[in-house]
Structure formats: C-alpha cells, structure tokens
Amino acid sequence: MQDKTDIKAAVRQFLFDNFIMGGEVTIDDDTSFMKRHILDSTGFIELITYIEETYHVTVEDSEMLPENFDSLQNIAAYVARKHAAS
C-alpha cells in the first residue's frame, strides 16, 4: 500500500490532469474541493471511480461524504482506513 503522501500526490495529479484547466490553482492537503469549486457532482463521481480503481477499494454509498472525499488529506485517511479494515 502507498503511504498517505503518495496518495495525496497521485490524487493531486489526477485533479490537475482532469479538472484544472490552466490558471493559478494550488491544491494544498486541506483544500476543500467544494469550497474552491474544483469539483462538481460529476467530478466527485469521477474522483471516487479513480480512487476505487487505483487503490482497490469499494466506496459504499454511505461513505460518499465530504469527510472522506473533500480534500487530499481526507482521501488519504479514507484509503488508509479502508486498507486497514481489509
């Protein structure tokens, strides 16, 4: 399993590759994707699909919450919890 720093770096790159179209945008570990309007509802679905495929986890509907997916640090912690539980 990748460590949290690697997860955050990979997800950050995914966001830049797929959602940030130029401009001066920074995504810190605690940047809220919703507050900064980085992702819309469709973007969150794409992000969750990426996380499932990349980190071999299944995201349950009840887990699709900002506490799990609204920042890089939340995503890294979520993936670590899922791997620890399996």
C-alpha atoms as a PDB file:
ATOM      1  CA  MET A   1       0.000   0.000   0.000  1.00  0.00           C
ATOM      2  CA  GLN A   2       1.145   3.524  -0.736  1.00  0.00           C
ATOM      3  CA  ASP A   3       1.681   5.910   2.132  1.00  0.00           C
ATOM      4  CA  LYS A   4      -0.525   8.956   2.633  1.00  0.00           C
ATOM      5  CA  THR A   5       1.981  11.313   0.998  1.00  0.00           C
ATOM      6  CA  ASP A   6       1.998   9.200  -2.168  1.00  0.00           C
ATOM      7  CA  ILE A   7      -1.802   9.009  -2.198  1.00  0.00           C
ATOM      8  CA  LYS A   8      -2.135  12.787  -1.860  1.00  0.00           C
ATOM      9  CA  ALA A   9       0.410  13.371  -4.643  1.00  0.00           C
ATOM     10  CA  ALA A  10      -1.321  10.932  -7.000  1.00  0.00           C
ATOM     11  CA  VAL A  11      -4.799  12.349  -6.351  1.00  0.00           C
ATOM     12  CA  ARG A  12      -3.482  15.918  -6.693  1.00  0.00           C
ATOM     13  CA  GLN A  13      -2.042  14.996 -10.103  1.00  0.00           C
ATOM     14  CA  PHE A  14      -5.345  13.339 -11.112  1.00  0.00           C
ATOM     15  CA  LEU A  15      -7.196  16.560 -10.245  1.00  0.00           C
ATOM     16  CA  PHE A  16      -4.787  18.712 -12.243  1.00  0.00           C
ATOM     17  CA  ASP A  17      -4.866  16.333 -15.198  1.00  0.00           C
ATOM     18  CA  ASN A  18      -8.655  16.079 -15.316  1.00  0.00           C
ATOM     19  CA  PHE A  19     -10.247  19.160 -13.737  1.00  0.00           C
ATOM     20  CA  ILE A  20      -7.843  22.108 -13.558  1.00  0.00           C
ATOM     21  CA  MET A  21      -7.774  23.769 -16.946  1.00  0.00           C
ATOM     22  CA  GLY A  22      -4.928  26.242 -16.630  1.00  0.00           C
ATOM     23  CA  GLY A  23      -4.804  29.172 -14.271  1.00  0.00           C
ATOM     24  CA  GLU A  24      -3.051  29.636 -10.992  1.00  0.00           C
ATOM     25  CA  VAL A  25      -4.640  26.954  -8.839  1.00  0.00           C
ATOM     26  CA  THR A  26      -2.994  25.359  -5.839  1.00  0.00           C
ATOM     27  CA  ILE A  27      -4.361  22.348  -4.065  1.00  0.00           C
ATOM     28  CA  ASP A  28      -2.988  22.014  -0.567  1.00  0.00           C
ATOM     29  CA  ASP A  29      -3.567  18.897   1.512  1.00  0.00           C
ATOM     30  CA  ASP A  30      -6.503  20.545   3.296  1.00  0.00           C
ATOM     31  CA  THR A  31      -8.019  22.458   0.346  1.00  0.00           C
ATOM     32  CA  SER A  32     -11.778  21.850   0.156  1.00  0.00           C
ATOM     33  CA  PHE A  33     -12.714  20.754  -3.354  1.00  0.00           C
ATOM     34  CA  MET A  34     -16.271  22.005  -2.852  1.00  0.00           C
ATOM     35  CA  LYS A  35     -15.427  25.398  -1.347  1.00  0.00           C
ATOM     36  CA  ARG A  36     -12.819  26.066  -4.051  1.00  0.00           C
ATOM     37  CA  HIS A  37     -15.196  24.780  -6.789  1.00  0.00           C
ATOM     38  CA  ILE A  38     -12.592  22.319  -8.021  1.00  0.00           C
ATOM     39  CA  LEU A  39     -15.146  19.522  -8.460  1.00  0.00           C
ATOM     40  CA  ASP A  40     -18.849  19.420  -9.199  1.00  0.00           C
ATOM     41  CA  SER A  41     -21.096  16.416  -8.530  1.00  0.00           C
ATOM     42  CA  THR A  42     -19.980  14.658 -11.718  1.00  0.00           C
ATOM     43  CA  GLY A  43     -16.359  15.352 -10.831  1.00  0.00           C
ATOM     44  CA  PHE A  44     -16.808  13.715  -7.436  1.00  0.00           C
ATOM     45  CA  ILE A  45     -18.147  10.582  -9.132  1.00  0.00           C
ATOM     46  CA  GLU A  46     -15.095  10.541 -11.417  1.00  0.00           C
ATOM     47  CA  LEU A  47     -12.831  11.034  -8.387  1.00  0.00           C
ATOM     48  CA  ILE A  48     -14.466   8.176  -6.495  1.00  0.00           C
ATOM     49  CA  THR A  49     -14.160   5.894  -9.531  1.00  0.00           C
ATOM     50  CA  TYR A  50     -10.469   6.801  -9.775  1.00  0.00           C
ATOM     51  CA  ILE A  51      -9.938   6.037  -6.076  1.00  0.00           C
ATOM     52  CA  GLU A  52     -11.731   2.692  -6.333  1.00  0.00           C
ATOM     53  CA  GLU A  53      -9.716   1.617  -9.378  1.00  0.00           C
ATOM     54  CA  THR A  54      -6.358   2.955  -8.235  1.00  0.00           C
ATOM     55  CA  TYR A  55      -6.449   1.863  -4.592  1.00  0.00           C
ATOM     56  CA  HIS A  56      -8.586  -1.278  -4.983  1.00  0.00           C
ATOM     57  CA  VAL A  57     -11.276  -0.211  -2.521  1.00  0.00           C
ATOM     58  CA  THR A  58     -15.042  -0.250  -2.756  1.00  0.00           C
ATOM     59  CA  VAL A  59     -16.672   3.030  -1.790  1.00  0.00           C
ATOM     60  CA  GLU A  60     -20.090   2.418  -0.279  1.00  0.00           C
ATOM     61  CA  ASP A  61     -22.862   4.953  -0.908  1.00  0.00           C
ATOM     62  CA  SER A  62     -22.900   5.764   2.819  1.00  0.00           C
ATOM     63  CA  GLU A  63     -19.188   6.668   2.611  1.00  0.00           C
ATOM     64  CA  MET A  64     -19.609   9.290  -0.121  1.00  0.00           C
ATOM     65  CA  LEU A  65     -19.251  12.168   2.315  1.00  0.00           C
ATOM     66  CA  PRO A  66     -17.147  15.330   2.424  1.00  0.00           C
ATOM     67  CA  GLU A  67     -15.425  13.880   5.498  1.00  0.00           C
ATOM     68  CA  ASN A  68     -13.963  11.224   3.190  1.00  0.00           C
ATOM     69  CA  PHE A  69     -13.516  12.970  -0.169  1.00  0.00           C
ATOM     70  CA  ASP A  70     -13.426  16.794   0.124  1.00  0.00           C
ATOM     71  CA  SER A  71      -9.657  17.173   0.470  1.00  0.00           C
ATOM     72  CA  LEU A  72      -6.452  15.317  -0.205  1.00  0.00           C
ATOM     73  CA  GLN A  73      -5.897  14.632   3.484  1.00  0.00           C
ATOM     74  CA  ASN A  74      -9.441  13.252   3.839  1.00  0.00           C
ATOM     75  CA  ILE A  75      -8.924  10.948   0.848  1.00  0.00           C
ATOM     76  CA  ALA A  76      -5.558   9.676   2.106  1.00  0.00           C
ATOM     77  CA  ALA A  77      -7.026   8.959   5.548  1.00  0.00           C
ATOM     78  CA  TYR A  78     -10.053   7.232   3.991  1.00  0.00           C
ATOM     79  CA  VAL A  79      -7.911   4.965   1.793  1.00  0.00           C
ATOM     80  CA  ALA A  80      -5.685   4.104   4.779  1.00  0.00           C
ATOM     81  CA  ARG A  81      -8.773   3.195   6.856  1.00  0.00           C
ATOM     82  CA  LYS A  82     -10.167   1.029   4.056  1.00  0.00           C
ATOM     83  CA  HIS A  83      -6.889  -0.832   3.624  1.00  0.00           C
ATOM     84  CA  ALA A  84      -6.511  -1.313   7.379  1.00  0.00           C
ATOM     85  CA  ALA A  85     -10.031  -2.785   7.552  1.00  0.00           C
ATOM     86  CA  SER A  86      -9.387  -5.315   4.779  1.00  0.00           C
END
